[in-house]
Amino acid sequence: MSDSYSSLGERLEDLLQVETFPPPAGFAARSQVRDLAVYEQAAADPEAWWATQARERLHWDTPFSAVLDDTNPPFYTWFADGTINVSYNCLDRHVLAGRGDRVAFYWRGEEGEEREFTYARLLDDVQRLANACSPVPASARRTQSSSEASLPPRCASGWRSPRPRP
């Protein structure tokens, strides 16, 4: 047994000396980015590359001014002074761009059931949940049934609504 442990230890030591590992061929073949120039740009200036990606691919409620805060390793912070609404970036912008009827994801249950969720359907569900979890001032309350009254406590604890439905 000591031989296998020493050879494993030697192998681990060898791996520690390797700085990069090429992806398996099958993984690389399925890559979304096949233009090597993109990889070269990212490697040449990673912070600038990620800043461009973040600005072009996300809607920012408050734009970021700094890309990476690496002053407290290993606790790195990306885009710390910027704010986004994740729900808006994942759902609203797709619906607003006319892709509401497009399937956002396919769901398969343990019992074999299958469902398709469109961006519009998910946005509607998120807005209904946000409304159920939003605090309502006493002056705006209406009479609730017992099942309605118990809905907000059933919401995920600690979850903040992306924004109530207008």
C-alpha atoms as a PDB file:
ATOM      1  CA  MET A   1       0.000   0.000   0.000  1.00  0.00           C
ATOM      2  CA  SER A   2       2.797   2.423   0.723  1.00  0.00           C
ATOM      3  CA  ASP A   3       3.871   2.172  -2.952  1.00  0.00           C
ATOM      4  CA  SER A   4       0.449   3.354  -4.172  1.00  0.00           C
ATOM      5  CA  TYR A   5       0.444   6.196  -1.635  1.00  0.00           C
ATOM      6  CA  SER A   6       3.929   7.303  -2.628  1.00  0.00           C
ATOM      7  CA  SER A   7       3.097   7.133  -6.340  1.00  0.00           C
ATOM      8  CA  LEU A   8      -0.115   9.057  -5.679  1.00  0.00           C
ATOM      9  CA  GLY A   9       1.850  11.637  -3.703  1.00  0.00           C
ATOM     10  CA  GLU A  10       4.346  11.935  -6.523  1.00  0.00           C
ATOM     11  CA  ARG A  11       1.535  12.312  -9.045  1.00  0.00           C
ATOM     12  CA  LEU A  12      -0.057  15.062  -6.950  1.00  0.00           C
ATOM     13  CA  GLU A  13       3.280  16.836  -6.676  1.00  0.00           C
ATOM     14  CA  ASP A  14       3.644  16.652 -10.473  1.00  0.00           C
ATOM     15  CA  LEU A  15       0.138  18.083 -10.936  1.00  0.00           C
ATOM     16  CA  LEU A  16       0.930  20.987  -8.628  1.00  0.00           C
ATOM     17  CA  GLN A  17       3.616  22.049 -11.094  1.00  0.00           C
ATOM     18  CA  VAL A  18       1.143  22.255 -14.004  1.00  0.00           C
ATOM     19  CA  GLU A  19      -0.418  25.714 -14.402  1.00  0.00           C
ATOM     20  CA  THR A  20      -3.068  24.923 -17.014  1.00  0.00           C
ATOM     21  CA  PHE A  21      -4.961  21.841 -18.086  1.00  0.00           C
ATOM     22  CA  PRO A  22      -6.407  21.617 -21.590  1.00  0.00           C
ATOM     23  CA  PRO A  23     -10.081  20.621 -21.698  1.00  0.00           C
ATOM     24  CA  PRO A  24     -11.015  17.168 -22.968  1.00  0.00           C
ATOM     25  CA  ALA A  25     -11.602  17.151 -26.741  1.00  0.00           C
ATOM     26  CA  GLY A  26     -15.332  16.369 -26.425  1.00  0.00           C
ATOM     27  CA  PHE A  27     -15.835  19.242 -23.999  1.00  0.00           C
ATOM     28  CA  ALA A  28     -13.989  21.674 -26.259  1.00  0.00           C
ATOM     29  CA  ALA A  29     -16.029  20.525 -29.272  1.00  0.00           C
ATOM     30  CA  ARG A  30     -19.253  21.543 -27.479  1.00  0.00           C
ATOM     31  CA  SER A  31     -17.878  24.956 -26.494  1.00  0.00           C
ATOM     32  CA  GLN A  32     -20.070  28.008 -27.079  1.00  0.00           C
ATOM     33  CA  VAL A  33     -16.969  30.045 -27.951  1.00  0.00           C
ATOM     34  CA  ARG A  34     -14.846  28.546 -30.691  1.00  0.00           C
ATOM     35  CA  ASP A  35     -12.919  31.666 -31.731  1.00  0.00           C
ATOM     36  CA  LEU A  36      -9.477  31.434 -30.137  1.00  0.00           C
ATOM     37  CA  ALA A  37      -9.123  35.229 -30.345  1.00  0.00           C
ATOM     38  CA  VAL A  38     -11.757  35.531 -27.592  1.00  0.00           C
ATOM     39  CA  TYR A  39      -9.622  33.394 -25.292  1.00  0.00           C
ATOM     40  CA  GLU A  40      -6.531  35.427 -26.183  1.00  0.00           C
ATOM     41  CA  GLN A  41      -8.338  38.712 -25.380  1.00  0.00           C
ATOM     42  CA  ALA A  42      -9.511  37.329 -22.046  1.00  0.00           C
ATOM     43  CA  ALA A  43      -6.023  36.104 -21.157  1.00  0.00           C
ATOM     44  CA  ALA A  44      -4.356  39.380 -22.170  1.00  0.00           C
ATOM     45  CA  ASP A  45      -6.482  41.547 -19.846  1.00  0.00           C
ATOM     46  CA  PRO A  46      -8.948  39.507 -17.773  1.00  0.00           C
ATOM     47  CA  GLU A  47     -10.442  42.459 -15.880  1.00  0.00           C
ATOM     48  CA  ALA A  48     -11.142  44.442 -19.057  1.00  0.00           C
ATOM     49  CA  TRP A  49     -12.602  41.365 -20.727  1.00  0.00           C
ATOM     50  CA  TRP A  50     -14.947  40.628 -17.801  1.00  0.00           C
ATOM     51  CA  ALA A  51     -15.947  44.303 -17.575  1.00  0.00           C
ATOM     52  CA  THR A  52     -16.959  44.238 -21.246  1.00  0.00           C
ATOM     53  CA  GLN A  53     -18.909  41.011 -20.783  1.00  0.00           C
ATOM     54  CA  ALA A  54     -20.723  42.381 -17.729  1.00  0.00           C
ATOM     55  CA  ARG A  55     -21.618  45.664 -19.429  1.00  0.00           C
ATOM     56  CA  GLU A  56     -22.804  44.024 -22.663  1.00  0.00           C
ATOM     57  CA  ARG A  57     -24.659  41.038 -21.213  1.00  0.00           C
ATOM     58  CA  LEU A  58     -26.319  42.397 -18.061  1.00  0.00           C
ATOM     59  CA  HIS A  59     -28.607  45.270 -17.224  1.00  0.00           C
ATOM     60  CA  TRP A  60     -27.095  47.269 -14.350  1.00  0.00           C
ATOM     61  CA  ASP A  61     -29.363  49.291 -12.036  1.00  0.00           C
ATOM     62  CA  THR A  62     -26.198  50.952 -10.723  1.00  0.00           C
ATOM     63  CA  PRO A  63     -23.184  50.544 -13.022  1.00  0.00           C
ATOM     64  CA  PHE A  64     -19.964  49.317 -11.446  1.00  0.00           C
ATOM     65  CA  SER A  65     -16.840  51.462 -11.359  1.00  0.00           C
ATOM     66  CA  ALA A  66     -14.374  48.765 -10.290  1.00  0.00           C
ATOM     67  CA  VAL A  67     -14.209  45.297 -11.781  1.00  0.00           C
ATOM     68  CA  LEU A  68     -12.215  43.326  -9.222  1.00  0.00           C
ATOM     69  CA  ASP A  69     -11.310  44.065  -5.619  1.00  0.00           C
ATOM     70  CA  ASP A  70      -8.411  41.755  -4.800  1.00  0.00           C
ATOM     71  CA  THR A  71      -7.198  43.601  -1.691  1.00  0.00           C
ATOM     72  CA  ASN A  72      -8.230  40.821   0.715  1.00  0.00           C
ATOM     73  CA  PRO A  73      -7.192  37.444  -0.770  1.00  0.00           C
ATOM     74  CA  PRO A  74      -8.646  34.878  -0.943  1.00  0.00           C
ATOM     75  CA  PHE A  75     -11.868  36.919  -0.615  1.00  0.00           C
ATOM     76  CA  TYR A  76     -12.168  38.544  -4.023  1.00  0.00           C
ATOM     77  CA  THR A  77     -15.095  40.759  -4.919  1.00  0.00           C
ATOM     78  CA  TRP A  78     -16.287  41.345  -8.456  1.00  0.00           C
ATOM     79  CA  PHE A  79     -18.311  44.444  -9.458  1.00  0.00           C
ATOM     80  CA  ALA A  80     -18.767  45.355  -5.778  1.00  0.00           C
ATOM     81  CA  ASP A  81     -20.248  48.818  -6.213  1.00  0.00           C
ATOM     82  CA  GLY A  82     -22.637  47.833  -9.001  1.00  0.00           C
ATOM     83  CA  THR A  83     -26.154  46.529  -8.480  1.00  0.00           C
ATOM     84  CA  ILE A  84     -28.307  44.315 -10.659  1.00  0.00           C
ATOM     85  CA  ASN A  85     -31.743  42.816 -10.374  1.00  0.00           C
ATOM     86  CA  VAL A  86     -31.190  39.141 -11.076  1.00  0.00           C
ATOM     87  CA  SER A  87     -34.847  38.500 -11.832  1.00  0.00           C
ATOM     88  CA  TYR A  88     -34.888  41.301 -14.396  1.00  0.00           C
ATOM     89  CA  ASN A  89     -31.728  39.973 -16.070  1.00  0.00           C
ATOM     90  CA  CYS A  90     -33.015  36.391 -16.141  1.00  0.00           C
ATOM     91  CA  LEU A  91     -36.660  37.003 -17.082  1.00  0.00           C
ATOM     92  CA  ASP A  92     -37.962  40.524 -17.740  1.00  0.00           C
ATOM     93  CA  ARG A  93     -35.473  41.500 -20.398  1.00  0.00           C
ATOM     94  CA  HIS A  94     -36.233  38.351 -22.400  1.00  0.00           C
ATOM     95  CA  VAL A  95     -39.976  39.019 -22.244  1.00  0.00           C
ATOM     96  CA  LEU A  96     -39.469  42.694 -23.142  1.00  0.00           C
ATOM     97  CA  ALA A  97     -37.322  41.639 -26.129  1.00  0.00           C
ATOM     98  CA  GLY A  98     -40.196  39.524 -27.483  1.00  0.00           C
ATOM     99  CA  ARG A  99     -38.901  36.150 -26.319  1.00  0.00           C
ATOM    100  CA  GLY A 100     -41.619  35.537 -23.716  1.00  0.00           C
ATOM    101  CA  ASP A 101     -42.998  32.478 -25.537  1.00  0.00           C
ATOM    102  CA  ARG A 102     -39.551  30.898 -25.752  1.00  0.00           C
ATOM    103  CA  VAL A 103     -38.828  28.001 -23.412  1.00  0.00           C
ATOM    104  CA  ALA A 104     -36.548  29.122 -20.572  1.00  0.00           C
ATOM    105  CA  PHE A 105     -36.005  25.610 -19.259  1.00  0.00           C
ATOM    106  CA  TYR A 106     -37.367  22.094 -19.334  1.00  0.00           C
ATOM    107  CA  TRP A 107     -38.255  20.399 -16.056  1.00  0.00           C
ATOM    108  CA  ARG A 108     -38.375  16.662 -15.434  1.00  0.00           C
ATOM    109  CA  GLY A 109     -39.736  15.281 -12.194  1.00  0.00           C
ATOM    110  CA  GLU A 110     -38.726  12.135 -10.387  1.00  0.00           C
ATOM    111  CA  GLU A 111     -41.921  10.372 -11.461  1.00  0.00           C
ATOM    112  CA  GLY A 112     -41.283  11.106 -15.143  1.00  0.00           C
ATOM    113  CA  GLU A 113     -43.481  14.192 -15.429  1.00  0.00           C
ATOM    114  CA  GLU A 114     -42.221  16.856 -17.791  1.00  0.00           C
ATOM    115  CA  ARG A 115     -42.978  20.560 -18.059  1.00  0.00           C
ATOM    116  CA  GLU A 116     -41.775  23.433 -20.192  1.00  0.00           C
ATOM    117  CA  PHE A 117     -41.423  26.861 -18.621  1.00  0.00           C
ATOM    118  CA  THR A 118     -41.426  29.921 -20.864  1.00  0.00           C
ATOM    119  CA  TYR A 119     -39.874  33.227 -19.879  1.00  0.00           C
ATOM    120  CA  ALA A 120     -43.332  34.812 -19.703  1.00  0.00           C
ATOM    121  CA  ARG A 121     -44.712  32.040 -17.479  1.00  0.00           C
ATOM    122  CA  LEU A 122     -41.731  32.235 -15.124  1.00  0.00           C
ATOM    123  CA  LEU A 123     -41.982  36.030 -14.967  1.00  0.00           C
ATOM    124  CA  ASP A 124     -45.668  35.761 -14.094  1.00  0.00           C
ATOM    125  CA  ASP A 125     -44.928  33.184 -11.370  1.00  0.00           C
ATOM    126  CA  VAL A 126     -42.100  35.297  -9.921  1.00  0.00           C
ATOM    127  CA  GLN A 127     -44.297  38.389  -9.881  1.00  0.00           C
ATOM    128  CA  ARG A 128     -47.126  36.498  -8.149  1.00  0.00           C
ATOM    129  CA  LEU A 129     -44.702  35.185  -5.535  1.00  0.00           C
ATOM    130  CA  ALA A 130     -43.202  38.647  -5.074  1.00  0.00           C
ATOM    131  CA  ASN A 131     -46.672  40.066  -4.498  1.00  0.00           C
ATOM    132  CA  ALA A 132     -47.453  37.341  -1.979  1.00  0.00           C
ATOM    133  CA  CYS A 133     -44.227  37.991  -0.098  1.00  0.00           C
ATOM    134  CA  SER A 134     -44.441  41.785  -0.191  1.00  0.00           C
ATOM    135  CA  PRO A 135     -45.504  43.504   2.996  1.00  0.00           C
ATOM    136  CA  VAL A 136     -48.888  45.164   2.540  1.00  0.00           C
ATOM    137  CA  PRO A 137     -49.795  48.197   4.651  1.00  0.00           C
ATOM    138  CA  ALA A 138     -52.783  47.649   6.916  1.00  0.00           C
ATOM    139  CA  SER A 139     -54.746  50.393   5.142  1.00  0.00           C
ATOM    140  CA  ALA A 140     -54.444  48.496   1.853  1.00  0.00           C
ATOM    141  CA  ARG A 141     -55.432  45.062   3.189  1.00  0.00           C
ATOM    142  CA  ARG A 142     -58.612  43.347   2.079  1.00  0.00           C
ATOM    143  CA  THR A 143     -60.406  40.453   3.665  1.00  0.00           C
ATOM    144  CA  GLN A 144     -58.382  37.296   3.178  1.00  0.00           C
ATOM    145  CA  SER A 145     -59.365  33.684   3.252  1.00  0.00           C
ATOM    146  CA  SER A 146     -57.469  31.490   5.689  1.00  0.00           C
ATOM    147  CA  SER A 147     -55.404  29.958   2.880  1.00  0.00           C
ATOM    148  CA  GLU A 148     -54.445  33.401   1.527  1.00  0.00           C
ATOM    149  CA  ALA A 149     -53.464  34.580   4.978  1.00  0.00           C
ATOM    150  CA  SER A 150     -50.999  31.717   5.345  1.00  0.00           C
ATOM    151  CA  LEU A 151     -49.324  32.264   1.971  1.00  0.00           C
ATOM    152  CA  PRO A 152     -46.680  34.877   2.910  1.00  0.00           C
ATOM    153  CA  PRO A 153     -45.246  32.812   5.790  1.00  0.00           C
ATOM    154  CA  ARG A 154     -44.786  29.949   3.338  1.00  0.00           C
ATOM    155  CA  CYS A 155     -42.485  32.074   1.171  1.00  0.00           C
ATOM    156  CA  ALA A 156     -38.814  31.205   1.274  1.00  0.00           C
ATOM    157  CA  SER A 157     -37.317  32.724   4.387  1.00  0.00           C
ATOM    158  CA  GLY A 158     -34.762  35.373   3.665  1.00  0.00           C
ATOM    159  CA  TRP A 159     -35.857  35.656   0.040  1.00  0.00           C
ATOM    160  CA  ARG A 160     -36.377  39.198  -1.142  1.00  0.00           C
ATOM    161  CA  SER A 161     -38.825  39.830  -3.912  1.00  0.00           C
ATOM    162  CA  PRO A 162     -37.328  41.097  -7.161  1.00  0.00           C
ATOM    163  CA  ARG A 163     -40.166  43.576  -7.467  1.00  0.00           C
ATOM    164  CA  PRO A 164     -43.915  43.401  -7.079  1.00  0.00           C
ATOM    165  CA  ARG A 165     -46.130  43.230 -10.138  1.00  0.00           C
ATOM    166  CA  PRO A 166     -47.441  46.648 -11.198  1.00  0.00           C
END
